[in-house]
Amino acid sequence: MSNLDFQSFNSSGFWWLCTQWREPQHFLIQLAHTCCCVAFFARNDNCGLIVLHGILVLGFLLISTWAWNIVCSPDVFSWNFSFVLINMGQVFHILYGMRPVKFPAELEQIYASLFQPMRVSRLLFKKLVTNDQTQLVTMPAGEAYATQNMTRTDRLAILITGRANVLSDNNLLHPILARQFLDSPEFEATHAGSEEKFKVSVVASMPCRVLIWQREGLEFLFAKETYLAHIMSILIARDITTKIYTMNQKVTVQFIITDKGSHLDIRLPSVTSVVTSSFATHGSSSGRSGTRCNSIHQSSSTPLHRLPDEESDSGI
């Protein structure tokens, strides 16, 4: 490169934009620009961004060295050294975002069983469980999460460990097991600012750990994280479907068995109304399930979730 006669360009008159051409600069500046060129071939992912900014740190550091020692230009040095600091900050920021996110053992179970199969990242799940309006509480046996006709439906809870029972007038409707929502039908059937009350009681039958979200904070998070909102919609819809099938087994045989002996689907409005009217007539313990049926039926009819239609039996 040193054999090239750049001075001959000055007398040719062809290079009218530059009247004075210099010899190629020091090898440090050549190496620095080579690093910058290579950096832009990095992949578009976290590892690629680390490579990109890491090589740019090296490139701008070489230019800073060249400016300080070779051309002795403080302004060139200052600009390029500031670029070194900026890219170093980017590297640390990306590394911080890639750090492993850990949760308490009880939340790890919830993440592994419900959210990880849905491809929810740990960082996104952390936003869900560390929200300011999120509570992780312990319920001793006999404590009520919700009281019939008294507790407002302004929150959502998931049972981490333990077992709870859904009661109507002190009659058991169905149990709630670990990793199931306590109040998915009520949450889905109402909206923010609603004054609706629980039509059933939810009581811990053994010591329980419960994760509770306030509706207001949860909906604010969903407005910012639409993917998380979609995943929660799927989980809530699936939980409601599970409760529907559970309730199918609790309705009294005398008014859910057809002439052919087939079970009716209590999600159907006609059957729900029959069940509800039968409570007033019979008052049996099994008949108490209508309140929960009505709540589940309302939630399954909302536009947010379209539950998979269950095939009607031949007797319907």
Protein backbone atom coordinates (compact mmCIF):
# COMPACT_ATOMS: atom_id res chain seq x y z
CA MET A 1 0.00 0.00 0.00
CA SER A 2 2.96 2.32 0.66
CA ASN A 3 4.12 1.91 -2.98
CA LEU A 4 1.05 3.71 -4.29
CA ASP A 5 1.85 7.26 -5.40
CA PHE A 6 -1.09 9.27 -4.11
CA GLN A 7 0.79 12.53 -4.62
CA SER A 8 0.49 12.05 -8.38
CA PHE A 9 -3.28 12.56 -8.03
CA ASN A 10 -2.70 16.14 -6.94
CA SER A 11 -1.14 17.22 -10.28
CA SER A 12 -3.56 15.33 -12.52
CA GLY A 13 -6.42 17.82 -12.16
CA PHE A 14 -8.97 14.96 -12.39
CA TRP A 15 -9.83 14.90 -8.68
CA TRP A 16 -11.44 18.31 -8.61
CA LEU A 17 -13.09 17.81 -5.20
CA CYS A 18 -9.79 17.17 -3.41
CA THR A 19 -6.79 19.27 -4.38
CA GLN A 20 -4.42 17.60 -1.94
CA TRP A 21 -4.35 13.79 -1.45
CA ARG A 22 -2.40 12.15 1.35
CA GLU A 23 -0.79 8.77 1.74
CA PRO A 24 -2.87 5.98 3.39
CA GLN A 25 -3.18 6.40 7.15
CA HIS A 26 -1.66 4.28 9.88
CA PHE A 27 -2.55 0.58 10.01
CA LEU A 28 -4.51 1.16 13.24
CA ILE A 29 -7.15 3.14 11.38
CA GLN A 30 -7.31 0.45 8.69
CA LEU A 31 -7.73 -2.28 11.30
CA ALA A 32 -10.37 -0.23 13.13
CA HIS A 33 -12.51 0.20 10.02
CA THR A 34 -12.10 -3.50 9.24
CA CYS A 35 -13.56 -4.29 12.68
CA CYS A 36 -16.47 -1.94 12.07
CA CYS A 37 -17.14 -3.61 8.71
CA VAL A 38 -17.10 -7.11 10.23
CA ALA A 39 -19.40 -6.02 13.09
CA PHE A 40 -22.27 -5.26 10.73
CA PHE A 41 -22.41 -8.91 9.61
CA ALA A 42 -23.63 -10.01 13.05
CA ARG A 43 -26.94 -11.87 13.39
CA ASN A 44 -30.12 -10.18 14.53
CA ASP A 45 -30.49 -11.83 17.93
CA ASN A 46 -29.13 -11.28 21.41
CA CYS A 47 -25.87 -13.11 20.76
CA GLY A 48 -25.48 -11.29 17.46
CA LEU A 49 -26.04 -7.93 19.14
CA ILE A 50 -23.36 -8.74 21.71
CA VAL A 51 -20.95 -9.57 18.87
CA LEU A 52 -21.94 -6.39 17.00
CA HIS A 53 -21.40 -4.02 19.91
CA GLY A 54 -18.34 -5.93 21.16
CA ILE A 55 -16.51 -5.61 17.83
CA LEU A 56 -17.58 -1.95 17.57
CA VAL A 57 -16.01 -1.37 20.99
CA LEU A 58 -12.74 -2.77 19.62
CA GLY A 59 -13.01 -0.75 16.41
CA PHE A 60 -13.70 2.59 18.11
CA LEU A 61 -11.00 1.86 20.68
CA LEU A 62 -8.48 1.43 17.86
CA ILE A 63 -9.60 4.70 16.28
CA SER A 64 -9.27 6.42 19.67
CA THR A 65 -5.74 5.04 20.02
CA TRP A 66 -4.88 6.25 16.53
CA ALA A 67 -6.33 9.71 17.24
CA TRP A 68 -4.45 10.03 20.55
CA ASN A 69 -1.04 8.66 19.54
CA ILE A 70 -0.73 9.11 15.79
CA VAL A 71 -2.60 12.22 14.66
CA CYS A 72 -2.87 13.78 18.15
CA SER A 73 -6.40 15.02 17.55
CA PRO A 74 -8.33 15.50 20.81
CA ASP A 75 -11.69 16.00 19.11
CA VAL A 76 -11.40 12.78 17.08
CA PHE A 77 -10.28 10.95 20.22
CA SER A 78 -13.17 12.34 22.29
CA TRP A 79 -15.84 11.38 19.77
CA ASN A 80 -14.60 7.86 19.22
CA PHE A 81 -13.92 7.15 22.88
CA SER A 82 -17.50 8.20 23.65
CA PHE A 83 -18.62 5.64 21.05
CA VAL A 84 -16.58 3.04 22.95
CA LEU A 85 -18.46 3.82 26.16
CA ILE A 86 -21.86 3.78 24.43
CA ASN A 87 -21.27 0.36 22.89
CA MET A 88 -19.92 -1.02 26.16
CA GLY A 89 -23.13 0.14 27.81
CA GLN A 90 -25.14 -1.67 25.13
CA VAL A 91 -23.20 -4.89 25.75
CA PHE A 92 -23.86 -4.75 29.51
CA HIS A 93 -27.53 -3.93 28.92
CA ILE A 94 -28.00 -6.96 26.64
CA LEU A 95 -26.13 -9.23 29.05
CA TYR A 96 -28.33 -8.00 31.90
CA GLY A 97 -31.44 -8.80 29.88
CA MET A 98 -30.13 -12.32 29.18
CA ARG A 99 -29.46 -13.12 32.82
CA PRO A 100 -31.29 -16.20 34.16
CA VAL A 101 -34.55 -15.25 35.87
CA LYS A 102 -35.39 -17.39 38.88
CA PHE A 103 -38.59 -17.64 40.89
CA PRO A 104 -39.53 -19.20 44.22
CA ALA A 105 -40.19 -22.93 43.98
CA GLU A 106 -43.98 -22.49 44.16
CA LEU A 107 -43.98 -20.02 41.26
CA GLU A 108 -41.60 -22.24 39.30
CA GLN A 109 -44.30 -24.93 39.40
CA ILE A 110 -46.88 -22.53 37.97
CA TYR A 111 -44.50 -21.35 35.26
CA ALA A 112 -43.38 -24.86 34.27
CA SER A 113 -46.89 -26.35 34.15
CA LEU A 114 -48.92 -23.49 32.64
CA PHE A 115 -46.84 -20.74 31.05
CA GLN A 116 -43.67 -22.40 29.77
CA PRO A 117 -45.62 -24.75 27.44
CA MET A 118 -47.26 -21.60 26.02
CA ARG A 119 -43.81 -20.16 25.20
CA VAL A 120 -44.05 -17.36 27.74
CA SER A 121 -40.54 -16.12 28.51
CA ARG A 122 -39.31 -15.88 32.07
CA LEU A 123 -38.99 -12.11 31.78
CA LEU A 124 -42.62 -11.83 30.67
CA PHE A 125 -43.79 -14.15 33.46
CA LYS A 126 -41.82 -12.04 35.92
CA LYS A 127 -43.87 -9.01 34.86
CA LEU A 128 -47.02 -11.00 35.59
CA VAL A 129 -46.07 -12.20 39.08
CA THR A 130 -44.19 -9.10 40.31
CA ASN A 131 -46.92 -6.62 39.45
CA ASP A 132 -47.61 -4.03 42.16
CA GLN A 133 -51.17 -5.29 42.49
CA THR A 134 -50.19 -8.96 42.82
CA GLN A 135 -50.37 -10.80 46.14
CA LEU A 136 -49.03 -14.17 47.20
CA VAL A 137 -51.04 -15.22 50.26
CA THR A 138 -51.48 -18.24 52.51
CA MET A 139 -55.01 -19.43 53.31
CA PRO A 140 -55.44 -21.78 56.27
CA ALA A 141 -58.07 -24.50 56.11
CA GLY A 142 -61.55 -23.05 56.45
CA GLU A 143 -60.65 -19.53 55.29
CA ALA A 144 -62.88 -18.15 52.54
CA TYR A 145 -61.39 -16.63 49.42
CA ALA A 146 -64.87 -15.46 48.40
CA THR A 147 -68.17 -15.34 50.28
CA GLN A 148 -71.47 -15.85 48.51
CA ASN A 149 -73.33 -12.60 47.72
CA MET A 150 -70.71 -10.56 49.59
CA THR A 151 -67.34 -10.62 47.80
CA ARG A 152 -66.94 -8.55 44.64
CA THR A 153 -65.62 -10.18 41.47
CA ASP A 154 -62.79 -7.66 41.02
CA ARG A 155 -59.80 -10.00 41.07
CA LEU A 156 -58.39 -13.24 39.70
CA ALA A 157 -56.59 -15.94 41.65
CA ILE A 158 -54.79 -19.17 40.90
CA LEU A 159 -54.33 -21.94 43.46
CA ILE A 160 -50.63 -22.77 43.72
CA THR A 161 -50.80 -25.53 46.32
CA GLY A 162 -53.59 -27.03 48.40
CA ARG A 163 -57.25 -27.61 47.67
CA ALA A 164 -60.40 -25.48 47.84
CA ASN A 165 -64.12 -26.17 47.60
CA VAL A 166 -66.83 -24.23 45.80
CA LEU A 167 -69.95 -24.06 47.96
CA SER A 168 -73.49 -22.83 47.41
CA ASP A 169 -75.46 -22.38 50.64
CA ASN A 170 -72.89 -24.62 52.35
CA ASN A 171 -73.42 -27.41 49.78
CA LEU A 172 -70.39 -28.65 47.86
CA LEU A 173 -70.47 -27.99 44.13
CA HIS A 174 -66.99 -29.05 43.06
CA PRO A 175 -63.38 -28.93 44.28
CA ILE A 176 -60.58 -26.74 42.95
CA LEU A 177 -57.15 -28.35 42.72
CA ALA A 178 -53.64 -26.94 42.53
CA ARG A 179 -52.75 -24.95 39.41
CA GLN A 180 -56.40 -24.13 38.73
CA PHE A 181 -58.02 -20.70 38.85
CA LEU A 182 -60.29 -20.06 41.81
CA ASP A 183 -62.62 -17.63 40.06
CA SER A 184 -62.15 -17.85 36.30
CA PRO A 185 -65.93 -17.95 35.51
CA GLU A 186 -66.63 -14.89 37.65
CA PHE A 187 -63.63 -13.01 36.26
CA GLU A 188 -64.63 -13.68 32.68
CA ALA A 189 -68.34 -13.02 33.19
CA THR A 190 -67.78 -9.52 34.61
CA HIS A 191 -65.79 -6.44 33.65
CA ALA A 192 -63.73 -3.70 35.26
CA GLY A 193 -65.74 -1.51 37.62
CA SER A 194 -68.49 -4.09 37.97
CA GLU A 195 -70.31 -4.36 41.28
CA GLU A 196 -71.18 -8.03 40.74
CA LYS A 197 -70.85 -10.36 43.71
CA PHE A 198 -69.87 -14.02 43.87
CA LYS A 199 -72.86 -16.35 43.58
CA VAL A 200 -70.89 -19.04 45.40
CA SER A 201 -68.39 -19.31 48.23
CA VAL A 202 -64.81 -20.47 47.66
CA VAL A 203 -63.30 -21.94 50.83
CA ALA A 204 -59.92 -23.57 51.47
CA SER A 205 -60.34 -27.19 52.53
CA MET A 206 -56.66 -27.42 53.49
CA PRO A 207 -53.77 -24.94 53.82
CA CYS A 208 -53.39 -23.20 50.46
CA ARG A 209 -51.01 -20.84 48.71
CA VAL A 210 -52.81 -18.49 46.34
CA LEU A 211 -51.56 -15.97 43.78
CA ILE A 212 -54.04 -13.09 43.50
CA TRP A 213 -54.20 -10.35 40.86
CA GLN A 214 -56.35 -7.25 41.14
CA ARG A 215 -58.37 -6.82 37.95
CA GLU A 216 -57.31 -3.21 37.42
CA GLY A 217 -53.59 -3.96 37.54
CA LEU A 218 -53.99 -7.11 35.45
CA GLU A 219 -55.89 -5.36 32.67
CA PHE A 220 -53.35 -2.52 32.64
CA LEU A 221 -50.58 -5.08 32.15
CA PHE A 222 -52.56 -6.81 29.39
CA ALA A 223 -52.88 -3.49 27.55
CA LYS A 224 -49.07 -3.30 27.38
CA GLU A 225 -48.32 -7.00 26.87
CA THR A 226 -50.81 -8.25 24.29
CA TYR A 227 -49.13 -11.66 23.92
CA LEU A 228 -49.46 -12.27 27.65
CA ALA A 229 -53.11 -11.20 27.47
CA HIS A 230 -53.71 -13.75 24.72
CA ILE A 231 -52.05 -16.54 26.74
CA MET A 232 -54.04 -15.70 29.86
CA SER A 233 -57.23 -15.74 27.78
CA ILE A 234 -56.42 -19.27 26.63
CA LEU A 235 -55.63 -20.45 30.17
CA ILE A 236 -58.80 -18.92 31.60
CA ALA A 237 -60.93 -20.41 28.82
CA ARG A 238 -59.38 -23.84 29.38
CA ASP A 239 -60.01 -23.58 33.12
CA ILE A 240 -63.65 -22.63 32.55
CA THR A 241 -64.05 -25.62 30.24
CA THR A 242 -62.63 -27.90 32.94
CA LYS A 243 -65.13 -26.51 35.44
CA ILE A 244 -67.97 -27.08 32.97
CA TYR A 245 -67.08 -30.75 32.63
CA THR A 246 -66.76 -31.03 36.41
CA MET A 247 -70.22 -29.53 36.87
CA ASN A 248 -71.66 -31.99 34.35
CA GLN A 249 -70.91 -34.75 36.83
CA LYS A 250 -72.54 -32.92 39.76
CA VAL A 251 -75.99 -32.15 38.34
CA THR A 252 -78.71 -34.42 39.74
CA VAL A 253 -79.64 -37.42 37.64
CA GLN A 254 -83.35 -36.67 37.86
CA PHE A 255 -83.18 -33.68 35.52
CA ILE A 256 -80.04 -34.22 33.42
CA ILE A 257 -80.66 -37.75 32.20
CA THR A 258 -82.60 -38.08 28.98
CA ASP A 259 -84.82 -40.93 27.97
CA LYS A 260 -81.81 -42.62 26.39
CA GLY A 261 -79.65 -42.14 29.47
CA SER A 262 -77.30 -39.54 27.96
CA HIS A 263 -75.88 -36.57 29.88
CA LEU A 264 -77.03 -33.15 28.70
CA ASP A 265 -74.53 -30.34 28.30
CA ILE A 266 -75.31 -27.81 31.04
CA ARG A 267 -73.72 -25.03 28.95
CA LEU A 268 -76.93 -24.99 26.90
CA PRO A 269 -79.22 -22.13 28.00
CA SER A 270 -82.29 -24.37 28.12
CA VAL A 271 -80.63 -26.84 30.45
CA THR A 272 -79.20 -24.06 32.62
CA SER A 273 -82.67 -22.58 33.06
CA VAL A 274 -84.10 -26.00 33.93
CA VAL A 275 -81.35 -26.53 36.48
CA THR A 276 -81.93 -23.10 37.99
CA SER A 277 -85.69 -23.58 38.28
CA SER A 278 -85.20 -27.00 39.82
CA PHE A 279 -83.26 -25.52 42.74
CA ALA A 280 -86.28 -23.59 43.92
CA THR A 281 -88.41 -26.74 43.70
CA HIS A 282 -86.12 -29.43 45.05
CA GLY A 283 -83.56 -27.54 47.17
CA SER A 284 -81.34 -30.61 47.17
CA SER A 285 -77.60 -30.40 47.73
CA SER A 286 -76.87 -31.45 44.19
CA GLY A 287 -79.30 -28.88 42.88
CA ARG A 288 -77.21 -26.08 44.40
CA SER A 289 -74.80 -26.29 41.48
CA GLY A 290 -76.99 -24.06 39.33
CA THR A 291 -75.46 -20.87 40.64
CA ARG A 292 -72.04 -21.93 39.46
CA CYS A 293 -73.56 -23.24 36.21
CA ASN A 294 -75.09 -19.84 35.49
CA SER A 295 -71.77 -18.11 36.11
CA ILE A 296 -69.91 -20.56 33.92
CA HIS A 297 -72.53 -20.31 31.20
CA GLN A 298 -72.25 -16.51 31.15
CA SER A 299 -68.48 -16.60 30.96
CA SER A 300 -68.48 -19.13 28.15
CA SER A 301 -70.72 -16.84 26.12
CA THR A 302 -68.47 -13.77 26.29
CA PRO A 303 -66.73 -12.64 23.09
CA LEU A 304 -63.23 -12.77 24.58
CA HIS A 305 -63.12 -16.58 24.71
CA ARG A 306 -64.73 -18.95 22.29
CA LEU A 307 -64.70 -22.27 24.08
CA PRO A 308 -64.50 -25.44 22.03
CA ASP A 309 -68.00 -26.76 21.41
CA GLU A 310 -68.71 -30.05 23.07
CA GLU A 311 -70.40 -32.59 20.83
CA SER A 312 -74.03 -32.98 21.81
CA ASP A 313 -75.09 -36.46 22.75
CA SER A 314 -77.62 -38.31 20.68
CA GLY A 315 -80.31 -37.67 23.28
CA ILE A 316 -80.29 -33.87 22.84
